[in-house]
Amino acid sequence: MTGARRPSSLDLAAARDKTIPDVVAPGLRVLFAGINPGLYSAAAGYHFARPGNRFWPVLCAAGFTDRVLRPEEQGQLLPLGLGITNVVARATVSAAEIRAGGRVLTAKVERLAPRWIAIVGITVYRTAFDRPGATTGRQEQTLGGAGLWVLPNPSGLNASYQIDRLAEEFGRLRVAATG
């Protein structure tokens, strides 16, 4: 979190069950849906705020932004036709909440009518929408009337995807969203 104070251990403990406001508007090109805010992000008050998370660098590398935005600059996504929400709004989560979150997300997508909804994390997509065999990439079905894309989780803990491979996956969505 460049320019912002890192949350202390007390801040992280206090962030349990907190939410982060969505960065949304009607008619976005792409609405990215994370799993849920991690404690670090909830404490900071910004999506994908943990320093090891590669969401912001990958957005730039994939061509969605012209520079790497900092989490506290998340509002700059809206003029680009991009937004962020979560499958589950609060900072701690269970499988039952993920399934319920899928229904809430579907209603949100119906209301906001983005062109594309991008679920950021294959496991959360499989759980929320009962698609155990799903793979990353464009999905045949739509969600709430929007095209549906599943992206790998950009967390630094996802060793299966390095930044170049993540940028490739995100880049395919960018091409589809601008074409």
N, C-alpha and C. Protein backbone atom coordinates (compact mmCIF):
# COMPACT_ATOMS: atom_id res chain seq x y z
N MET A 1 0.84 -1.19 0.00
CA MET A 1 0.00 0.00 0.00
C MET A 1 0.88 1.24 0.00
N THR A 2 1.31 1.62 -1.13
CA THR A 2 2.15 2.80 -1.26
C THR A 2 1.41 4.02 -0.74
N GLY A 3 2.08 4.79 0.09
CA GLY A 3 1.49 6.04 0.58
C GLY A 3 0.47 5.87 1.68
N ALA A 4 0.15 4.66 2.07
CA ALA A 4 -0.83 4.44 3.13
C ALA A 4 -0.16 3.65 4.25
N ARG A 5 -0.64 3.84 5.45
CA ARG A 5 -0.11 3.13 6.61
C ARG A 5 -0.53 1.66 6.54
N ARG A 6 0.41 0.78 6.80
CA ARG A 6 0.09 -0.64 6.83
C ARG A 6 -0.72 -0.95 8.10
N PRO A 7 -1.74 -1.76 7.97
CA PRO A 7 -2.52 -2.11 9.17
C PRO A 7 -1.69 -2.87 10.19
N SER A 8 -1.90 -2.56 11.45
CA SER A 8 -1.22 -3.26 12.54
C SER A 8 -1.95 -4.58 12.81
N SER A 9 -1.38 -5.40 13.68
CA SER A 9 -2.04 -6.66 14.05
C SER A 9 -3.39 -6.37 14.73
N LEU A 10 -3.47 -5.29 15.48
CA LEU A 10 -4.76 -4.91 16.09
C LEU A 10 -5.77 -4.49 15.03
N ASP A 11 -5.29 -3.75 14.02
CA ASP A 11 -6.18 -3.35 12.91
C ASP A 11 -6.71 -4.59 12.20
N LEU A 12 -5.83 -5.57 11.98
CA LEU A 12 -6.24 -6.79 11.28
C LEU A 12 -7.28 -7.56 12.10
N ALA A 13 -7.07 -7.66 13.39
CA ALA A 13 -8.04 -8.35 14.26
C ALA A 13 -9.38 -7.62 14.24
N ALA A 14 -9.35 -6.31 14.24
CA ALA A 14 -10.58 -5.51 14.23
C ALA A 14 -11.29 -5.57 12.88
N ALA A 15 -10.57 -5.99 11.83
CA ALA A 15 -11.17 -6.02 10.48
C ALA A 15 -12.05 -7.24 10.26
N ARG A 16 -12.01 -8.19 11.15
CA ARG A 16 -12.83 -9.40 11.01
C ARG A 16 -14.29 -8.98 10.82
N ASP A 17 -14.91 -9.50 9.80
CA ASP A 17 -16.31 -9.26 9.44
C ASP A 17 -16.59 -7.89 8.82
N LYS A 18 -15.56 -7.07 8.61
CA LYS A 18 -15.77 -5.78 7.94
C LYS A 18 -16.03 -6.00 6.46
N THR A 19 -16.60 -4.98 5.84
CA THR A 19 -16.83 -5.00 4.40
C THR A 19 -16.09 -3.82 3.78
N ILE A 20 -15.95 -3.86 2.46
CA ILE A 20 -15.36 -2.77 1.69
C ILE A 20 -16.42 -2.34 0.68
N PRO A 21 -16.68 -1.07 0.54
CA PRO A 21 -17.67 -0.64 -0.45
C PRO A 21 -17.27 -1.08 -1.86
N ASP A 22 -18.27 -1.49 -2.62
CA ASP A 22 -18.04 -1.84 -4.02
C ASP A 22 -17.58 -0.61 -4.79
N VAL A 23 -16.83 -0.85 -5.84
CA VAL A 23 -16.45 0.19 -6.81
C VAL A 23 -17.26 -0.17 -8.05
N VAL A 24 -18.46 0.37 -8.17
CA VAL A 24 -19.38 -0.04 -9.24
C VAL A 24 -20.16 1.14 -9.80
N ALA A 25 -20.67 0.92 -10.99
CA ALA A 25 -21.58 1.84 -11.66
C ALA A 25 -22.35 1.02 -12.69
N PRO A 26 -23.50 1.48 -13.11
CA PRO A 26 -24.22 0.74 -14.15
C PRO A 26 -23.46 0.74 -15.47
N GLY A 27 -23.59 -0.38 -16.19
CA GLY A 27 -23.08 -0.48 -17.55
C GLY A 27 -21.57 -0.57 -17.71
N LEU A 28 -20.87 -1.08 -16.70
CA LEU A 28 -19.41 -1.23 -16.81
C LEU A 28 -19.03 -2.20 -17.92
N ARG A 29 -17.82 -2.05 -18.43
CA ARG A 29 -17.29 -3.04 -19.39
C ARG A 29 -17.03 -4.35 -18.66
N VAL A 30 -16.32 -4.26 -17.52
CA VAL A 30 -15.98 -5.45 -16.74
C VAL A 30 -16.17 -5.15 -15.26
N LEU A 31 -16.87 -6.03 -14.59
CA LEU A 31 -16.98 -6.00 -13.14
C LEU A 31 -16.20 -7.19 -12.61
N PHE A 32 -15.11 -6.91 -11.88
CA PHE A 32 -14.30 -7.96 -11.28
C PHE A 32 -14.91 -8.30 -9.92
N ALA A 33 -15.06 -9.60 -9.64
CA ALA A 33 -15.62 -10.05 -8.37
C ALA A 33 -14.59 -10.91 -7.66
N GLY A 34 -14.00 -10.36 -6.60
CA GLY A 34 -13.07 -11.13 -5.78
C GLY A 34 -13.84 -12.11 -4.91
N ILE A 35 -13.12 -12.89 -4.15
CA ILE A 35 -13.74 -13.88 -3.27
C ILE A 35 -14.45 -13.15 -2.13
N ASN A 36 -13.66 -12.47 -1.33
CA ASN A 36 -14.12 -11.66 -0.20
C ASN A 36 -12.93 -10.82 0.22
N PRO A 37 -13.15 -9.74 0.93
CA PRO A 37 -11.99 -8.96 1.36
C PRO A 37 -11.17 -9.74 2.39
N GLY A 38 -9.87 -9.80 2.18
CA GLY A 38 -9.01 -10.36 3.21
C GLY A 38 -8.95 -9.39 4.38
N LEU A 39 -8.42 -9.83 5.49
CA LEU A 39 -8.34 -8.95 6.66
C LEU A 39 -7.52 -7.70 6.37
N TYR A 40 -6.44 -7.86 5.62
CA TYR A 40 -5.58 -6.71 5.30
C TYR A 40 -6.38 -5.69 4.48
N SER A 41 -7.07 -6.16 3.45
CA SER A 41 -7.87 -5.25 2.62
C SER A 41 -8.99 -4.61 3.42
N ALA A 42 -9.65 -5.40 4.27
CA ALA A 42 -10.74 -4.84 5.09
C ALA A 42 -10.20 -3.78 6.04
N ALA A 43 -9.03 -4.02 6.62
CA ALA A 43 -8.44 -3.03 7.52
C ALA A 43 -8.03 -1.77 6.76
N ALA A 44 -7.51 -1.95 5.54
CA ALA A 44 -7.08 -0.81 4.73
C ALA A 44 -8.27 -0.08 4.11
N GLY A 45 -9.36 -0.81 3.86
CA GLY A 45 -10.54 -0.21 3.26
C GLY A 45 -10.52 -0.19 1.74
N TYR A 46 -9.62 -0.97 1.13
CA TYR A 46 -9.49 -1.01 -0.33
C TYR A 46 -9.40 -2.44 -0.82
N HIS A 47 -9.93 -2.68 -1.99
CA HIS A 47 -9.87 -4.01 -2.60
C HIS A 47 -8.45 -4.37 -2.99
N PHE A 48 -8.12 -5.66 -2.85
CA PHE A 48 -6.81 -6.19 -3.26
C PHE A 48 -5.65 -5.35 -2.69
N ALA A 49 -5.73 -5.01 -1.42
CA ALA A 49 -4.77 -4.10 -0.81
C ALA A 49 -3.51 -4.78 -0.28
N ARG A 50 -3.53 -6.06 -0.04
CA ARG A 50 -2.34 -6.73 0.51
C ARG A 50 -1.18 -6.55 -0.46
N PRO A 51 -0.01 -6.16 0.04
CA PRO A 51 1.13 -5.89 -0.84
C PRO A 51 1.50 -7.05 -1.78
N GLY A 52 1.33 -8.29 -1.35
CA GLY A 52 1.68 -9.43 -2.21
C GLY A 52 0.64 -9.76 -3.27
N ASN A 53 -0.52 -9.10 -3.21
CA ASN A 53 -1.55 -9.39 -4.20
C ASN A 53 -1.16 -8.74 -5.52
N ARG A 54 -1.32 -9.48 -6.61
CA ARG A 54 -0.86 -9.02 -7.91
C ARG A 54 -1.97 -8.45 -8.78
N PHE A 55 -3.16 -8.23 -8.23
CA PHE A 55 -4.28 -7.72 -9.03
C PHE A 55 -3.92 -6.43 -9.75
N TRP A 56 -3.41 -5.44 -9.03
CA TRP A 56 -3.15 -4.13 -9.63
C TRP A 56 -2.05 -4.19 -10.69
N PRO A 57 -0.91 -4.86 -10.43
CA PRO A 57 0.10 -4.99 -11.49
C PRO A 57 -0.41 -5.77 -12.71
N VAL A 58 -1.24 -6.78 -12.47
CA VAL A 58 -1.77 -7.58 -13.58
C VAL A 58 -2.75 -6.76 -14.42
N LEU A 59 -3.57 -5.93 -13.79
CA LEU A 59 -4.48 -5.08 -14.58
C LEU A 59 -3.68 -4.23 -15.57
N CYS A 60 -2.56 -3.70 -15.12
CA CYS A 60 -1.72 -2.89 -16.00
C CYS A 60 -1.05 -3.77 -17.06
N ALA A 61 -0.46 -4.86 -16.66
CA ALA A 61 0.24 -5.75 -17.59
C ALA A 61 -0.70 -6.30 -18.66
N ALA A 62 -1.97 -6.46 -18.32
CA ALA A 62 -2.96 -6.97 -19.28
C ALA A 62 -3.54 -5.87 -20.16
N GLY A 63 -3.20 -4.62 -19.88
CA GLY A 63 -3.67 -3.51 -20.71
C GLY A 63 -4.97 -2.87 -20.27
N PHE A 64 -5.47 -3.22 -19.10
CA PHE A 64 -6.69 -2.57 -18.59
C PHE A 64 -6.41 -1.15 -18.13
N THR A 65 -5.22 -0.93 -17.55
CA THR A 65 -4.82 0.40 -17.08
C THR A 65 -3.48 0.75 -17.71
N ASP A 66 -3.18 2.04 -17.78
CA ASP A 66 -1.92 2.45 -18.41
C ASP A 66 -0.76 2.53 -17.41
N ARG A 67 -1.05 2.33 -16.14
CA ARG A 67 -0.02 2.25 -15.10
C ARG A 67 -0.57 1.41 -13.96
N VAL A 68 0.31 0.99 -13.09
CA VAL A 68 -0.12 0.20 -11.93
C VAL A 68 -0.77 1.14 -10.93
N LEU A 69 -2.06 0.96 -10.73
CA LEU A 69 -2.78 1.75 -9.73
C LEU A 69 -2.49 1.20 -8.34
N ARG A 70 -2.55 2.07 -7.36
CA ARG A 70 -2.45 1.65 -5.97
C ARG A 70 -3.88 1.34 -5.50
N PRO A 71 -4.02 0.47 -4.52
CA PRO A 71 -5.36 0.14 -4.04
C PRO A 71 -6.21 1.37 -3.69
N GLU A 72 -5.57 2.39 -3.10
CA GLU A 72 -6.34 3.58 -2.72
C GLU A 72 -6.77 4.40 -3.93
N GLU A 73 -6.33 4.04 -5.12
CA GLU A 73 -6.76 4.69 -6.36
C GLU A 73 -7.84 3.88 -7.07
N GLN A 74 -8.46 2.95 -6.38
CA GLN A 74 -9.45 2.06 -7.00
C GLN A 74 -10.58 2.81 -7.68
N GLY A 75 -10.93 3.98 -7.24
CA GLY A 75 -11.99 4.77 -7.87
C GLY A 75 -11.66 5.18 -9.29
N GLN A 76 -10.38 5.16 -9.65
CA GLN A 76 -9.98 5.51 -11.01
C GLN A 76 -10.36 4.43 -12.03
N LEU A 77 -10.85 3.30 -11.55
CA LEU A 77 -11.30 2.25 -12.46
C LEU A 77 -12.61 2.63 -13.15
N LEU A 78 -13.48 3.32 -12.44
CA LEU A 78 -14.81 3.61 -12.98
C LEU A 78 -14.78 4.35 -14.32
N PRO A 79 -13.97 5.40 -14.51
CA PRO A 79 -13.92 6.05 -15.81
C PRO A 79 -13.40 5.15 -16.93
N LEU A 80 -12.74 4.05 -16.54
CA LEU A 80 -12.24 3.09 -17.52
C LEU A 80 -13.28 2.01 -17.84
N GLY A 81 -14.44 2.11 -17.19
CA GLY A 81 -15.48 1.10 -17.40
C GLY A 81 -15.25 -0.17 -16.62
N LEU A 82 -14.48 -0.08 -15.54
CA LEU A 82 -14.13 -1.24 -14.72
C LEU A 82 -14.64 -1.04 -13.30
N GLY A 83 -14.94 -2.13 -12.62
CA GLY A 83 -15.37 -2.05 -11.24
C GLY A 83 -14.94 -3.27 -10.46
N ILE A 84 -15.13 -3.20 -9.14
CA ILE A 84 -14.76 -4.30 -8.25
C ILE A 84 -15.87 -4.52 -7.22
N THR A 85 -16.18 -5.78 -7.00
CA THR A 85 -17.08 -6.21 -5.94
C THR A 85 -16.50 -7.51 -5.39
N ASN A 86 -17.23 -8.16 -4.52
CA ASN A 86 -16.82 -9.46 -3.99
C ASN A 86 -17.99 -10.42 -4.01
N VAL A 87 -17.69 -11.71 -4.08
CA VAL A 87 -18.73 -12.73 -4.00
C VAL A 87 -19.34 -12.68 -2.60
N VAL A 88 -18.50 -12.56 -1.60
CA VAL A 88 -18.95 -12.41 -0.21
C VAL A 88 -18.42 -11.08 0.30
N ALA A 89 -19.29 -10.28 0.88
CA ALA A 89 -18.93 -8.91 1.25
C ALA A 89 -18.03 -8.81 2.47
N ARG A 90 -18.13 -9.76 3.41
CA ARG A 90 -17.39 -9.59 4.66
C ARG A 90 -16.05 -10.30 4.66
N ALA A 91 -15.20 -9.90 5.58
CA ALA A 91 -13.80 -10.34 5.59
C ALA A 91 -13.57 -11.77 6.05
N THR A 92 -14.54 -12.43 6.61
CA THR A 92 -14.39 -13.86 6.90
C THR A 92 -15.51 -14.58 6.18
N VAL A 93 -15.28 -15.83 5.85
CA VAL A 93 -16.20 -16.48 4.92
C VAL A 93 -16.26 -18.00 5.14
N SER A 94 -17.44 -18.56 4.85
CA SER A 94 -17.62 -20.02 4.88
C SER A 94 -18.18 -20.44 3.53
N ALA A 95 -18.17 -21.75 3.28
CA ALA A 95 -18.69 -22.26 2.01
C ALA A 95 -20.17 -21.89 1.82
N ALA A 96 -20.95 -21.93 2.91
CA ALA A 96 -22.37 -21.57 2.80
C ALA A 96 -22.52 -20.10 2.38
N GLU A 97 -21.65 -19.25 2.92
CA GLU A 97 -21.70 -17.83 2.53
C GLU A 97 -21.30 -17.65 1.07
N ILE A 98 -20.38 -18.46 0.58
CA ILE A 98 -19.97 -18.36 -0.82
C ILE A 98 -21.15 -18.71 -1.73
N ARG A 99 -21.87 -19.77 -1.41
CA ARG A 99 -23.05 -20.13 -2.23
C ARG A 99 -24.11 -19.02 -2.18
N ALA A 100 -24.37 -18.49 -1.00
CA ALA A 100 -25.32 -17.38 -0.88
C ALA A 100 -24.79 -16.15 -1.60
N GLY A 101 -23.49 -15.93 -1.52
CA GLY A 101 -22.87 -14.80 -2.21
C GLY A 101 -23.03 -14.88 -3.72
N GLY A 102 -23.04 -16.08 -4.25
CA GLY A 102 -23.27 -16.26 -5.68
C GLY A 102 -24.63 -15.73 -6.09
N ARG A 103 -25.63 -15.97 -5.26
CA ARG A 103 -26.98 -15.47 -5.56
C ARG A 103 -27.03 -13.94 -5.44
N VAL A 104 -26.36 -13.39 -4.44
CA VAL A 104 -26.31 -11.93 -4.27
C VAL A 104 -25.57 -11.29 -5.45
N LEU A 105 -24.48 -11.91 -5.86
CA LEU A 105 -23.72 -11.38 -6.99
C LEU A 105 -24.55 -11.42 -8.27
N THR A 106 -25.28 -12.48 -8.49
CA THR A 106 -26.13 -12.57 -9.68
C THR A 106 -27.14 -11.42 -9.70
N ALA A 107 -27.77 -11.14 -8.58
CA ALA A 107 -28.74 -10.04 -8.50
C ALA A 107 -28.04 -8.69 -8.74
N LYS A 108 -26.84 -8.53 -8.22
CA LYS A 108 -26.08 -7.29 -8.42
C LYS A 108 -25.76 -7.10 -9.90
N VAL A 109 -25.35 -8.18 -10.56
CA VAL A 109 -25.03 -8.11 -11.99
C VAL A 109 -26.29 -7.78 -12.80
N GLU A 110 -27.40 -8.38 -12.44
CA GLU A 110 -28.66 -8.06 -13.13
C GLU A 110 -29.00 -6.58 -12.99
N ARG A 111 -28.77 -6.03 -11.81
CA ARG A 111 -29.08 -4.62 -11.55
C ARG A 111 -28.11 -3.67 -12.25
N LEU A 112 -26.82 -3.99 -12.23
CA LEU A 112 -25.79 -3.09 -12.77
C LEU A 112 -25.53 -3.27 -14.27
N ALA A 113 -25.87 -4.43 -14.80
CA ALA A 113 -25.73 -4.75 -16.22
C ALA A 113 -24.36 -4.47 -16.82
N PRO A 114 -23.29 -5.02 -16.20
CA PRO A 114 -21.99 -4.90 -16.87
C PRO A 114 -21.98 -5.79 -18.10
N ARG A 115 -21.09 -5.50 -19.05
CA ARG A 115 -20.96 -6.37 -20.21
C ARG A 115 -20.37 -7.72 -19.80
N TRP A 116 -19.37 -7.66 -18.92
CA TRP A 116 -18.69 -8.87 -18.45
C TRP A 116 -18.61 -8.87 -16.93
N ILE A 117 -18.77 -10.06 -16.35
CA ILE A 117 -18.47 -10.27 -14.94
C ILE A 117 -17.29 -11.23 -14.91
N ALA A 118 -16.25 -10.85 -14.19
CA ALA A 118 -15.05 -11.68 -14.08
C ALA A 118 -14.91 -12.14 -12.64
N ILE A 119 -15.10 -13.41 -12.41
CA ILE A 119 -14.92 -13.98 -11.08
C ILE A 119 -13.43 -14.24 -10.91
N VAL A 120 -12.85 -13.64 -9.88
CA VAL A 120 -11.40 -13.72 -9.67
C VAL A 120 -11.13 -14.84 -8.66
N GLY A 121 -10.96 -16.04 -9.19
CA GLY A 121 -10.71 -17.23 -8.37
C GLY A 121 -11.57 -18.39 -8.82
N ILE A 122 -10.95 -19.41 -9.35
CA ILE A 122 -11.69 -20.57 -9.87
C ILE A 122 -12.41 -21.33 -8.76
N THR A 123 -11.79 -21.46 -7.60
CA THR A 123 -12.42 -22.23 -6.52
C THR A 123 -13.69 -21.55 -6.03
N VAL A 124 -13.66 -20.23 -5.87
CA VAL A 124 -14.87 -19.53 -5.42
C VAL A 124 -15.96 -19.65 -6.48
N TYR A 125 -15.60 -19.59 -7.75
CA TYR A 125 -16.61 -19.75 -8.81
C TYR A 125 -17.24 -21.13 -8.74
N ARG A 126 -16.41 -22.16 -8.63
CA ARG A 126 -16.93 -23.53 -8.57
C ARG A 126 -17.90 -23.71 -7.40
N THR A 127 -17.55 -23.12 -6.25
CA THR A 127 -18.39 -23.25 -5.05
C THR A 127 -19.65 -22.41 -5.15
N ALA A 128 -19.51 -21.15 -5.53
CA ALA A 128 -20.65 -20.22 -5.54
C ALA A 128 -21.70 -20.62 -6.55
N PHE A 129 -21.28 -21.22 -7.65
CA PHE A 129 -22.22 -21.50 -8.74
C PHE A 129 -22.36 -22.99 -9.05
N ASP A 130 -21.90 -23.83 -8.12
CA ASP A 130 -22.01 -25.28 -8.23
C ASP A 130 -21.52 -25.78 -9.60
N ARG A 131 -20.31 -25.39 -9.93
CA ARG A 131 -19.67 -25.79 -11.19
C ARG A 131 -18.34 -26.47 -10.87
N PRO A 132 -18.37 -27.68 -10.29
CA PRO A 132 -17.14 -28.31 -9.83
C PRO A 132 -16.10 -28.56 -10.93
N GLY A 133 -16.50 -28.72 -12.16
CA GLY A 133 -15.55 -28.99 -13.23
C GLY A 133 -15.12 -27.78 -14.02
N ALA A 134 -15.52 -26.59 -13.59
CA ALA A 134 -15.21 -25.37 -14.34
C ALA A 134 -13.70 -25.13 -14.42
N THR A 135 -13.29 -24.50 -15.49
CA THR A 135 -11.90 -24.10 -15.67
C THR A 135 -11.87 -22.59 -15.86
N THR A 136 -10.68 -22.01 -15.85
CA THR A 136 -10.57 -20.57 -16.04
C THR A 136 -10.89 -20.23 -17.50
N GLY A 137 -11.17 -18.97 -17.73
CA GLY A 137 -11.46 -18.49 -19.08
C GLY A 137 -12.94 -18.16 -19.25
N ARG A 138 -13.31 -17.93 -20.49
CA ARG A 138 -14.69 -17.59 -20.83
C ARG A 138 -15.58 -18.80 -20.57
N GLN A 139 -16.73 -18.55 -19.96
CA GLN A 139 -17.69 -19.61 -19.66
C GLN A 139 -18.81 -19.58 -20.70
N GLU A 140 -19.37 -20.73 -20.96
CA GLU A 140 -20.47 -20.81 -21.94
C GLU A 140 -21.72 -20.09 -21.44
N GLN A 141 -22.01 -20.21 -20.16
CA GLN A 141 -23.19 -19.58 -19.61
C GLN A 141 -22.92 -18.11 -19.30
N THR A 142 -23.97 -17.36 -19.11
CA THR A 142 -23.86 -15.97 -18.68
C THR A 142 -24.22 -15.90 -17.21
N LEU A 143 -24.03 -14.75 -16.62
CA LEU A 143 -24.41 -14.54 -15.22
C LEU A 143 -25.18 -13.23 -15.15
N GLY A 144 -26.44 -13.32 -14.81
CA GLY A 144 -27.25 -12.11 -14.70
C GLY A 144 -27.31 -11.31 -15.99
N GLY A 145 -27.14 -11.97 -17.11
CA GLY A 145 -27.19 -11.30 -18.41
C GLY A 145 -25.83 -10.83 -18.92
N ALA A 146 -24.79 -10.96 -18.11
CA ALA A 146 -23.44 -10.53 -18.51
C ALA A 146 -22.63 -11.73 -18.98
N GLY A 147 -21.70 -11.47 -19.90
CA GLY A 147 -20.74 -12.50 -20.25
C GLY A 147 -19.96 -12.87 -19.00
N LEU A 148 -19.56 -14.11 -18.91
CA LEU A 148 -18.94 -14.62 -17.68
C LEU A 148 -17.53 -15.13 -17.98
N TRP A 149 -16.58 -14.65 -17.21
CA TRP A 149 -15.18 -15.04 -17.33
C TRP A 149 -14.68 -15.42 -15.96
N VAL A 150 -13.91 -16.48 -15.86
CA VAL A 150 -13.30 -16.88 -14.59
C VAL A 150 -11.79 -16.70 -14.72
N LEU A 151 -11.23 -15.94 -13.81
CA LEU A 151 -9.80 -15.64 -13.80
C LEU A 151 -9.12 -16.33 -12.63
N PRO A 152 -7.82 -16.61 -12.76
CA PRO A 152 -7.09 -17.15 -11.62
C PRO A 152 -6.99 -16.10 -10.52
N ASN A 153 -6.90 -16.56 -9.30
CA ASN A 153 -6.74 -15.66 -8.15
C ASN A 153 -5.36 -15.02 -8.22
N PRO A 154 -5.27 -13.67 -8.17
CA PRO A 154 -3.97 -13.01 -8.25
C PRO A 154 -3.20 -12.95 -6.93
N SER A 155 -3.69 -13.62 -5.91
CA SER A 155 -2.99 -13.62 -4.62
C SER A 155 -1.56 -14.12 -4.82
N GLY A 156 -0.66 -13.56 -4.06
CA GLY A 156 0.72 -14.02 -4.09
C GLY A 156 0.85 -15.47 -3.64
N LEU A 157 -0.17 -15.99 -2.97
CA LEU A 157 -0.16 -17.38 -2.52
C LEU A 157 -0.46 -18.36 -3.66
N ASN A 158 -0.96 -17.85 -4.79
CA ASN A 158 -1.29 -18.70 -5.93
C ASN A 158 -0.03 -18.89 -6.78
N ALA A 159 0.80 -19.84 -6.38
CA ALA A 159 2.08 -20.07 -7.05
C ALA A 159 1.91 -20.67 -8.45
N SER A 160 0.75 -21.21 -8.76
CA SER A 160 0.51 -21.79 -10.08
C SER A 160 0.55 -20.74 -11.18
N TYR A 161 0.30 -19.49 -10.81
CA TYR A 161 0.25 -18.41 -11.79
C TYR A 161 1.22 -17.31 -11.41
N GLN A 162 2.25 -17.14 -12.21
CA GLN A 162 3.16 -16.01 -12.05
C GLN A 162 2.56 -14.82 -12.80
N ILE A 163 3.12 -13.66 -12.63
CA ILE A 163 2.51 -12.44 -13.16
C ILE A 163 2.34 -12.47 -14.68
N ASP A 164 3.28 -13.05 -15.40
CA ASP A 164 3.14 -13.10 -16.86
C ASP A 164 1.97 -13.97 -17.28
N ARG A 165 1.79 -15.08 -16.61
CA ARG A 165 0.66 -15.98 -16.93
C ARG A 165 -0.67 -15.36 -16.50
N LEU A 166 -0.68 -14.68 -15.36
CA LEU A 166 -1.88 -13.97 -14.93
C LEU A 166 -2.24 -12.89 -15.94
N ALA A 167 -1.24 -12.12 -16.39
CA ALA A 167 -1.48 -11.06 -17.36
C ALA A 167 -2.05 -11.62 -18.66
N GLU A 168 -1.59 -12.79 -19.05
CA GLU A 168 -2.13 -13.45 -20.25
C GLU A 168 -3.61 -13.75 -20.08
N GLU A 169 -3.97 -14.32 -18.94
CA GLU A 169 -5.38 -14.67 -18.66
C GLU A 169 -6.25 -13.41 -18.61
N PHE A 170 -5.79 -12.40 -17.88
CA PHE A 170 -6.54 -11.16 -17.78
C PHE A 170 -6.61 -10.47 -19.15
N GLY A 171 -5.53 -10.59 -19.93
CA GLY A 171 -5.48 -9.97 -21.25
C GLY A 171 -6.50 -10.55 -22.21
N ARG A 172 -6.76 -11.85 -22.10
CA ARG A 172 -7.80 -12.46 -22.96
C ARG A 172 -9.16 -11.84 -22.67
N LEU A 173 -9.44 -11.60 -21.40
CA LEU A 173 -10.69 -10.94 -21.04
C LEU A 173 -10.71 -9.51 -21.58
N ARG A 174 -9.61 -8.79 -21.46
CA ARG A 174 -9.57 -7.41 -21.97
C ARG A 174 -9.87 -7.37 -23.46
N VAL A 175 -9.31 -8.29 -24.21
CA VAL A 175 -9.57 -8.35 -25.65
C VAL A 175 -11.06 -8.59 -25.90
N ALA A 176 -11.64 -9.54 -25.19
CA ALA A 176 -13.07 -9.84 -25.36
C ALA A 176 -13.93 -8.64 -24.95
N ALA A 177 -13.52 -7.94 -23.90
CA ALA A 177 -14.31 -6.82 -23.37
C ALA A 177 -14.22 -5.56 -24.25
N THR A 178 -13.18 -5.46 -25.04
CA THR A 178 -13.03 -4.27 -25.89
C THR A 178 -13.38 -4.57 -27.34
N GLY A 179 -13.58 -5.83 -27.66
CA GLY A 179 -13.85 -6.21 -29.05
C GLY A 179 -15.26 -6.18 -29.46
